[in-house]
Structure formats: C-alpha cells, structure tokens
Protein backbone atom coordinates (compact mmCIF):
# COMPACT_ATOMS: atom_id res chain seq x y z
CA MET A 1 128.56 124.20 81.19
CA GLN A 2 126.82 127.45 80.18
CA LEU A 3 123.02 127.18 80.34
CA THR A 4 122.02 130.80 79.63
CA ASN A 5 124.01 134.03 79.23
CA ASP A 6 124.52 134.22 83.00
CA ILE A 7 123.65 130.79 84.44
CA PHE A 8 126.24 128.02 84.57
CA TYR A 9 126.10 124.36 85.58
CA ILE A 10 128.72 123.24 88.12
CA GLY A 11 127.21 119.90 89.18
CA VAL A 12 128.90 116.51 89.12
CA ASP A 13 127.87 113.09 87.81
CA ASP A 14 128.38 110.20 90.24
CA LYS A 15 128.68 106.94 88.33
CA THR A 16 129.98 104.84 91.22
CA LEU A 17 127.04 105.20 93.63
CA ASP A 18 125.25 101.87 94.10
CA LEU A 19 122.34 102.90 96.36
CA PHE A 20 120.74 106.34 96.38
CA GLU A 21 119.64 107.36 99.88
CA GLY A 22 120.99 104.01 101.03
CA GLN A 23 118.16 102.02 99.45
CA TYR A 24 117.37 102.80 95.80
CA ILE A 25 119.33 101.00 93.08
CA VAL A 26 120.79 103.46 90.57
CA PRO A 27 122.30 101.43 87.72
CA ASN A 28 123.10 104.62 85.82
CA GLY A 29 124.30 106.63 88.81
CA ILE A 30 123.03 110.04 89.87
CA SER A 31 123.80 113.68 89.15
CA TYR A 32 124.26 116.25 91.90
CA ASN A 33 123.15 119.44 90.21
CA SER A 34 124.39 122.87 91.23
CA TYR A 35 124.32 126.19 89.44
CA VAL A 36 125.97 129.62 89.43
CA ILE A 37 124.26 132.88 88.44
CA LYS A 38 126.85 135.52 87.47
CA ASP A 39 125.45 139.04 87.66
CA ASP A 40 126.40 142.22 89.54
CA LYS A 41 126.32 139.82 92.45
CA ILE A 42 127.00 136.10 92.20
CA ALA A 43 124.71 133.44 93.61
CA VAL A 44 125.71 129.78 93.92
CA MET A 45 122.64 127.54 93.89
CA ASP A 46 123.24 124.63 96.31
CA THR A 47 126.42 122.55 96.71
CA ALA A 48 126.79 118.78 96.22
CA ASP A 49 127.37 115.46 97.95
CA LYS A 50 130.59 114.86 99.92
CA ARG A 51 131.40 112.07 97.46
CA VAL A 52 132.19 114.72 94.83
CA THR A 53 133.51 117.61 96.95
CA ALA A 54 136.78 118.07 95.05
CA GLU A 55 135.12 117.99 91.62
CA TRP A 56 132.39 120.40 92.72
CA PHE A 57 134.82 123.00 94.08
CA ALA A 58 136.94 122.67 90.93
CA ASN A 59 133.88 123.35 88.77
CA LEU A 60 132.91 126.30 90.97
CA ARG A 61 136.35 127.90 90.80
CA ALA A 62 136.51 127.44 87.04
CA ILE A 63 133.27 129.40 86.61
CA LEU A 64 134.07 132.09 89.20
CA GLY A 65 137.48 132.93 87.80
CA GLU A 66 138.76 135.95 89.73
CA ARG A 67 135.37 136.84 91.16
CA LEU A 68 134.02 135.86 94.57
CA PRO A 69 130.48 134.65 95.31
CA ASN A 70 128.11 136.87 97.25
CA TYR A 71 125.48 134.29 98.13
CA LEU A 72 125.06 130.58 98.64
CA VAL A 73 121.39 129.84 98.01
CA VAL A 74 120.36 126.61 99.75
CA LEU A 75 117.10 125.27 98.39
CA HIS A 76 117.41 121.90 100.15
CA MET A 77 119.46 120.81 103.17
CA GLU A 78 119.67 117.11 102.35
CA PRO A 79 123.35 116.05 102.45
CA ASP A 80 123.52 115.09 98.78
CA HIS A 81 123.10 118.81 98.04
CA ALA A 82 124.33 120.52 101.19
CA ALA A 83 127.41 118.56 102.29
CA ASN A 84 129.84 121.30 101.25
CA ILE A 85 128.18 124.28 102.94
CA ALA A 86 130.71 124.51 105.79
CA GLN A 87 133.71 124.42 103.44
CA PHE A 88 132.10 126.94 101.12
CA MET A 89 131.41 129.39 103.94
CA GLU A 90 134.99 128.94 105.18
CA PHE A 91 136.53 129.47 101.74
CA TYR A 92 134.37 132.53 101.02
CA PRO A 93 134.08 134.40 104.36
CA ASN A 94 132.19 137.34 102.86
CA ALA A 95 129.47 135.22 101.28
CA LYS A 96 126.03 134.99 102.86
CA MET A 97 123.80 131.94 103.04
CA VAL A 98 120.25 132.34 101.74
CA ALA A 99 117.75 129.79 103.07
CA THR A 100 114.55 129.25 105.03
CA ALA A 101 114.41 129.36 108.83
CA LYS A 102 114.02 125.58 108.90
CA SER A 103 117.14 125.20 106.77
CA PHE A 104 119.15 127.19 109.29
CA GLY A 105 117.80 124.94 112.03
CA LEU A 106 118.97 121.87 110.13
CA LEU A 107 122.32 123.57 109.46
CA GLU A 108 123.13 123.46 113.16
CA GLN A 109 122.27 119.77 113.27
CA PHE A 110 124.52 118.83 110.35
CA PHE A 111 127.45 121.18 111.06
CA GLU A 112 128.28 121.33 114.75
CA ASP A 113 130.98 124.02 114.68
CA LEU A 114 129.71 126.22 111.84
CA ASP A 115 128.95 129.75 113.02
CA ILE A 116 127.46 132.05 110.37
CA THR A 117 125.37 134.14 112.76
CA ASN A 118 125.89 137.40 110.85
CA ARG A 119 125.83 135.83 107.40
CA LYS A 120 122.27 134.54 107.25
CA VAL A 121 119.61 135.78 104.84
CA GLU A 122 116.40 134.16 106.04
CA ILE A 123 113.78 133.66 103.34
CA LYS A 124 110.00 133.55 103.55
CA ASP A 125 107.53 132.67 100.81
CA GLY A 126 107.50 135.35 98.12
CA ASP A 127 110.75 137.04 99.15
CA GLU A 128 113.17 138.18 96.44
CA LEU A 129 116.95 138.37 96.12
CA ASP A 130 118.33 141.09 93.83
CA LEU A 131 121.48 140.09 91.94
CA GLY A 132 121.33 142.89 89.33
CA LYS A 133 119.53 141.90 86.14
CA HIS A 134 118.55 138.67 87.81
CA LYS A 135 116.01 138.71 90.60
CA LEU A 136 115.24 135.47 92.39
CA GLN A 137 111.72 135.00 93.72
CA PHE A 138 111.44 132.29 96.35
CA ILE A 139 108.59 129.82 96.69
CA THR A 140 108.47 127.71 99.83
CA ALA A 141 107.81 124.05 99.08
CA PRO A 142 107.55 122.30 102.46
CA MET A 143 107.65 118.49 102.37
CA VAL A 144 108.73 118.34 98.73
CA HIS A 145 110.28 116.32 100.16
CA TRP A 146 111.79 117.83 103.37
CA PRO A 147 110.11 120.58 105.45
CA GLU A 148 112.72 123.27 104.68
CA VAL A 149 112.59 123.06 100.88
CA MET A 150 112.09 126.08 98.67
CA PHE A 151 112.15 126.77 94.93
CA ALA A 152 113.70 129.84 93.29
CA TYR A 153 112.37 131.54 90.15
CA ASP A 154 114.75 133.68 88.11
CA LYS A 155 112.64 136.45 86.57
CA GLN A 156 115.29 137.36 84.02
CA ASP A 157 115.80 133.99 82.33
CA LYS A 158 112.43 132.57 83.48
CA VAL A 159 114.11 129.58 85.10
CA LEU A 160 112.56 127.61 87.96
CA PHE A 161 115.19 126.09 90.25
CA SER A 162 112.98 123.27 91.49
CA ALA A 163 115.07 121.53 94.19
CA ASP A 164 114.29 117.79 94.11
CA ALA A 165 111.07 118.25 92.13
CA PHE A 166 111.27 117.18 88.47
CA GLY A 167 114.42 115.22 89.25
CA LYS A 168 115.31 111.71 88.14
CA PHE A 169 117.84 108.97 88.72
CA GLY A 170 120.76 108.67 86.31
CA THR A 171 123.73 110.85 85.36
CA LEU A 172 123.40 113.66 82.85
CA ASP A 173 125.26 111.77 80.14
CA CYS A 174 122.95 108.76 80.52
CA ASP A 175 120.84 108.18 77.41
CA GLU A 176 117.53 106.96 78.82
CA ASP A 177 113.86 107.89 78.86
CA TRP A 178 113.10 110.66 81.36
CA THR A 179 109.68 109.41 82.35
CA CYS A 180 110.56 105.95 83.63
CA GLU A 181 113.35 106.98 85.99
CA ALA A 182 111.63 110.24 86.95
CA ARG A 183 108.54 108.24 87.89
CA ARG A 184 110.56 105.77 89.96
CA TYR A 185 112.32 108.71 91.60
CA TYR A 186 109.09 110.60 92.27
CA PHE A 187 107.04 107.84 93.90
CA ASN A 188 109.88 106.55 96.05
CA ILE A 189 111.33 109.91 97.08
CA VAL A 190 108.44 112.38 97.02
CA GLY A 191 105.35 110.18 96.57
CA LYS A 192 104.03 110.46 100.13
CA TYR A 193 103.59 114.21 99.76
CA GLY A 194 101.21 114.52 96.83
CA GLN A 195 99.13 117.29 98.38
CA GLN A 196 102.23 119.35 99.10
CA VAL A 197 103.36 118.90 95.48
CA GLN A 198 99.92 120.01 94.30
CA ASN A 199 100.17 123.10 96.50
CA VAL A 200 103.52 124.19 95.10
CA LEU A 201 102.45 123.46 91.50
CA LYS A 202 99.56 125.88 92.01
CA LYS A 203 101.98 128.55 93.24
CA ALA A 204 104.28 127.98 90.28
CA ALA A 205 101.41 128.00 87.76
CA ILE A 206 101.22 131.81 87.81
CA LEU A 207 104.87 132.14 86.76
CA ASP A 208 106.16 132.29 83.18
CA ILE A 209 108.44 129.28 83.46
CA GLN A 210 110.47 128.49 80.35
CA LYS A 211 113.11 126.23 81.90
CA ILE A 212 113.23 123.92 84.92
CA PHE A 213 116.58 123.22 86.59
CA PRO A 214 116.25 120.43 89.20
CA LEU A 215 118.84 119.13 91.69
CA HIS A 216 119.00 115.71 90.00
CA GLY A 217 118.72 114.80 86.34
CA PRO A 218 118.61 116.87 83.16
CA MET A 219 117.70 120.52 82.82
CA LEU A 220 114.27 120.71 81.22
CA LYS A 221 114.10 123.33 78.48
CA GLU A 222 111.39 122.18 76.07
CA ASN A 223 107.87 120.78 76.23
CA LEU A 224 107.49 121.75 79.89
CA ASP A 225 103.75 121.04 79.81
CA TYR A 226 104.59 117.35 79.45
CA TYR A 227 106.64 117.28 82.67
CA VAL A 228 104.19 119.41 84.64
CA ASN A 229 101.30 117.20 83.50
CA LYS A 230 103.15 114.11 84.71
CA TYR A 231 103.64 115.73 88.10
CA ASN A 232 99.97 116.67 88.24
CA ILE A 233 98.96 113.06 87.55
CA TRP A 234 101.47 111.57 89.98
CA SER A 235 100.82 113.99 92.83
CA SER A 236 97.04 113.59 92.56
CA TYR A 237 97.44 109.79 92.80
CA GLN A 238 95.60 109.17 89.56
CA PRO A 239 96.58 106.21 87.36
CA GLU A 240 98.88 107.16 84.53
CA ASP A 241 98.10 104.15 82.31
CA LYS A 242 95.32 101.62 81.98
CA GLY A 243 96.71 98.22 82.80
CA VAL A 244 97.21 95.59 85.48
CA PHE A 245 100.31 95.26 87.61
CA ILE A 246 100.79 91.83 89.18
CA ALA A 247 103.16 91.61 92.14
CA TYR A 248 103.84 88.15 93.55
CA THR A 249 105.92 86.27 96.09
CA SER A 250 106.38 82.53 95.69
CA ILE A 251 108.38 79.87 97.53
CA TYR A 252 108.30 76.85 95.22
CA GLY A 253 106.86 78.47 92.10
CA HIS A 254 103.19 77.51 92.55
CA THR A 255 101.99 81.03 93.39
CA LYS A 256 104.15 82.33 90.54
CA ALA A 257 102.40 79.89 88.19
CA ALA A 258 99.00 81.28 89.20
CA ALA A 259 100.21 84.84 88.69
CA LEU A 260 101.56 84.02 85.24
CA LYS A 261 98.33 82.24 84.28
CA LEU A 262 96.33 85.30 85.27
CA LYS A 263 98.69 87.42 83.18
CA ASP A 264 97.96 85.23 80.15
CA MET A 265 94.19 85.47 80.73
CA LEU A 266 94.34 89.26 81.01
CA GLU A 267 96.47 89.64 77.88
CA GLU A 268 94.05 87.41 75.97
CA ARG A 269 91.42 89.98 76.89
CA GLY A 270 93.54 92.77 75.46
CA GLU A 271 94.87 94.14 78.73
CA LYS A 272 98.32 95.61 79.22
CA VAL A 273 100.02 93.65 82.02
CA ALA A 274 103.25 94.15 83.98
CA ILE A 275 104.45 91.54 86.46
CA THR A 276 107.23 91.35 89.06
CA ASP A 277 108.73 88.89 91.51
CA LEU A 278 109.02 90.97 94.68
CA ALA A 279 111.79 88.75 96.07
CA ARG A 280 114.07 89.16 93.06
CA GLU A 281 113.33 92.43 91.31
CA ASP A 282 113.78 96.08 92.26
CA MET A 283 111.29 97.03 94.99
CA ALA A 284 111.42 100.70 93.99
CA GLU A 285 110.39 99.79 90.46
CA ALA A 286 107.53 97.69 91.83
CA VAL A 287 106.30 100.72 93.80
CA GLU A 288 106.56 102.79 90.62
CA ASP A 289 104.48 100.32 88.60
CA ALA A 290 101.83 100.03 91.30
CA PHE A 291 101.22 103.77 90.98
CA ARG A 292 101.52 103.77 87.20
CA TYR A 293 98.64 101.36 86.46
CA ASP A 294 94.98 101.57 87.44
CA ARG A 295 94.74 97.97 88.70
CA LEU A 296 96.90 95.90 91.02
CA VAL A 297 96.96 92.17 91.76
CA LEU A 298 98.76 90.91 94.85
CA ALA A 299 99.66 87.22 94.90
CA SER A 300 101.31 85.68 97.93
CA VAL A 301 101.87 82.32 99.53
CA THR A 302 100.80 82.10 103.16
CA HIS A 303 103.91 82.31 105.35
CA ASP A 304 103.93 81.93 109.15
CA ALA A 305 100.15 82.50 109.18
CA GLY A 306 100.72 85.76 107.30
CA ILE A 307 102.35 86.85 104.07
CA MET A 308 105.87 86.71 102.71
CA PRO A 309 108.16 89.44 104.11
CA GLN A 310 108.75 90.91 100.64
CA MET A 311 105.00 91.28 100.09
CA GLU A 312 104.55 92.86 103.50
CA ASN A 313 107.38 95.29 102.75
CA PHE A 314 105.85 96.14 99.37
CA ILE A 315 102.38 96.83 100.76
CA THR A 316 103.84 98.86 103.63
CA GLN A 317 105.75 101.00 101.15
CA LEU A 318 102.57 101.57 99.14
CA LYS A 319 100.77 102.69 102.30
CA ASP A 320 103.68 104.97 103.23
CA LYS A 321 103.44 106.60 99.79
CA ASN A 322 99.66 107.21 100.12
CA TYR A 323 98.54 104.56 97.64
CA GLN A 324 94.92 105.15 96.57
CA ASN A 325 92.33 105.22 93.77
CA ARG A 326 93.00 101.70 92.46
CA LYS A 327 91.21 98.37 91.92
CA ILE A 328 92.81 95.43 93.75
CA GLY A 329 92.73 91.69 93.06
CA LEU A 330 94.05 89.08 95.50
CA ILE A 331 95.56 85.63 94.99
CA GLU A 332 96.59 83.51 97.95
CA ASN A 333 98.20 80.12 98.37
CA GLY A 334 98.32 77.85 101.41
CA SER A 335 98.72 74.15 102.02
CA TRP A 336 96.67 73.90 105.21
CA ALA A 337 95.47 77.37 106.30
CA PRO A 338 95.44 79.96 103.49
CA MET A 339 95.58 83.39 105.15
CA ALA A 340 97.46 85.56 102.68
CA ALA A 341 94.47 87.30 101.06
CA LYS A 342 93.04 88.31 104.44
CA LYS A 343 96.43 89.57 105.64
CA MET A 344 97.14 91.49 102.43
CA ARG A 345 93.76 93.20 102.62
CA GLU A 346 94.26 94.03 106.29
CA THR A 347 97.71 95.46 105.56
CA LEU A 348 96.15 97.80 102.97
CA GLU A 349 93.60 99.13 105.45
CA GLY A 350 93.75 102.89 105.67
CA CYS A 351 94.49 103.42 101.98
CA LYS A 352 91.93 105.66 100.30
CA ASN A 353 89.52 104.67 97.54
CA LEU A 354 90.62 101.09 97.00
CA THR A 355 88.10 98.75 95.38
CA PHE A 356 88.71 95.07 96.09
CA CYS A 357 87.59 92.47 93.59
CA GLU A 358 84.90 90.16 94.94
CA ASN A 359 86.53 87.16 93.26
CA LYS A 360 89.44 86.19 95.48
CA VAL A 361 91.59 83.29 94.25
CA THR A 362 92.71 80.61 96.70
CA ILE A 363 95.25 78.00 95.62
CA LYS A 364 95.82 74.91 97.77
CA SER A 365 99.53 74.07 97.47
CA ALA A 366 99.78 73.88 93.66
CA MET A 367 97.65 75.31 90.88
CA LYS A 368 95.36 72.70 89.30
CA LYS A 369 92.74 72.65 86.56
CA GLU A 370 90.02 73.15 89.16
CA ASP A 371 91.58 76.53 90.03
CA LEU A 372 91.27 77.94 86.52
CA PRO A 373 87.62 79.06 86.87
CA GLN A 374 88.62 81.17 89.89
CA LEU A 375 91.33 82.86 87.87
CA GLU A 376 88.94 83.38 84.94
CA LYS A 377 86.43 85.11 87.22
CA LEU A 378 89.14 87.36 88.65
CA ALA A 379 90.35 88.21 85.16
CA GLU A 380 86.79 89.06 84.07
CA GLU A 381 86.24 91.27 87.11
CA LEU A 382 89.54 93.08 86.59
CA CYS A 383 88.52 93.77 83.00
CA ASP A 384 85.01 94.92 83.91
C-alpha cells in the first residue's frame, strides 16, 4: 500500500487473535503496522508479530523489489512489533539497526544469539537519520508505554511515526469508530503514563505534523487536531464526557437491582448513564468508561468481609492506570455485616482528587421501598 510518494505500508492484519497482550479482547482483531521509506537509502520502520512473520516478509520483499534495505528503525521493542528483528538482520547482513540504547539492551534479552555489534546506530533525543530527501528526526518517548520507545518525524512528508501512541484495536479493514477502540486501547495500554504522554505531546507540538502513522490501527491523515485533543484529554486524566458510569457486581441480582434503580433515577434527572456488570462484561471496556465519564458509582455485595473479586480487580486496575479527578458514589449490600463501601473506598486510597459522595447507600439483602430514599439522595448528590 503506497501512503506517500516514498512511504509504503507493509503491515499485516491479524483477524484470528483473541486476546491482545494476553488479556484484552479484540473482537475485530489487530493490525501490526510497519512501513518502508524508499529514498537514496531505504529505512524499514519496525517489523511485526511472529504470528504474521511470513506475510510481513512477503510484503517487505514486494516493496523492496531488487533493492536492499539500509536501516531497520526500531521505535518499540515489544514483541508484537519486534519479533522479526533477528530474521531481518540475518536476511539483510548489510543493514543497520537504528534504536535507542534501551532498545539495544532489550534486544539482548529477547534474542539470545543475535550479534549485531558493528551494525548498531544508537539514537538520542533530537538525532537525525539522513535517507536522502527524507530526514528522520527522532523524539524519545519513554514509558509511552515502554522505556525504550521513540517516535520518528519525517521532515519531507511531515509524517509522525508515533509507535503505540494514537493506536487502536481492530484491523485496518474494520469499519468502526476510531474513538471508542482508541480510548479502550489508550487507557488499558498507555493510561498509567499520562505525564509521559503529555511530555512527548509537548515535544511534538513544535513540529509541522500532517500525518500520523501509528503501530496499530489506521493511518491518520485528516483532522489531526481531533486526535491530538483526545490524547490531551486522556493523558491529563480529565473527564471526556459528562455522565455517570455505574459498575456493579451482584450475586443474586439484588445489588444489580439497586444499580439499575439508580440508573433510572439519574436518567429521570437528565443524566447520561452507562452501566456494566463487572462479572460478565469486558473489564477493559469498564476501565475505558470509568475514565470517559466525570462520575463513577461502584456497587458491590459484601463478599468474605470484603468485596467481590471482579470489583476488587476493577478498582485495582483503575489505581494502576492513575485514576483521578472524579466524583465517586458507593452502593453496598450485605445480609449481616455490610462492608463493601468501606472496602471499596479503602481500595481507592492513593488515587488523586477523588470526591466521595456523602450519601452512601446500604442495602440489607434485597432492595426494598425503604431503601429508595437513600438512592434518591445519592442521585441528587451525583447531579449536584
């Protein structure tokens, strides 16, 4: 696929992958993006996952024709992009690998018998690689989302090769909204490192970027302000939408009933509400929605003097992703010793700028008419 006069796409769609990074459901698969810049010298931008080795090399050879690559530029050493480095360096013995010092350190960990001692081009922030017309300027992007990551900016075509940033789940031929799956991708893959994303966005802001080519998902060629603005919102941990996200765990349906009743009360007040059953629905999507909305309600039955495992996992993931700047409501249920609200609040300790509603809701076994005033007060406080 030709992207500009000199830049070609050689990536591969993977439609058979069930779990990305061994944990994230990808109903529409994933793309492993890779690019070739053909100039006086040829640079190959990253490889691909071992699942698609044969297809990737076939795409590469089709674009190279009779020519040989001069450089393999490695922006990210994660195996879904770097699995074919050893074979590439073996097939093209005169090519050099361009990467950060930390990438070369990881190279030795992933490839035990690979010796490219005299074929390394070690990159620091601001360094350039001259291909002819095309000159690549490198921008280190540590912890977006590994410590060795860098971006590359092509001054000729004004393309930012953005590694995992601005990526999304789904194959390239998948017809779906970018924002939803990019948001789910961002908060679950990169979300912990908001400050690092902010840092690299500031570096990139001085560049005249007209296209963004990520390592997953579509190449972004229009309306780039929209995508950059989303990343600014997400990486600064600000709510994207006004609304309430209700996440619940329920054993016999009584806690679920309370959560659904609160949903009705909020919608009657004109609020946008999303709700999920943490035991049955995609946890990664629940994390995404918690960051998307400005208010969160946690509803859990008391379980073994604590909270349900799915709720504990959910809150732990929020903490791991630096959850902050939100208003929190709590609903608990317990037949003899309700403890869930206390445990949920304790589990969230350490998160920044969380405001807890004063009106906690406690259900004893099953929701009854006498519980409705509690729910009404919580709904009013959430809407205040």
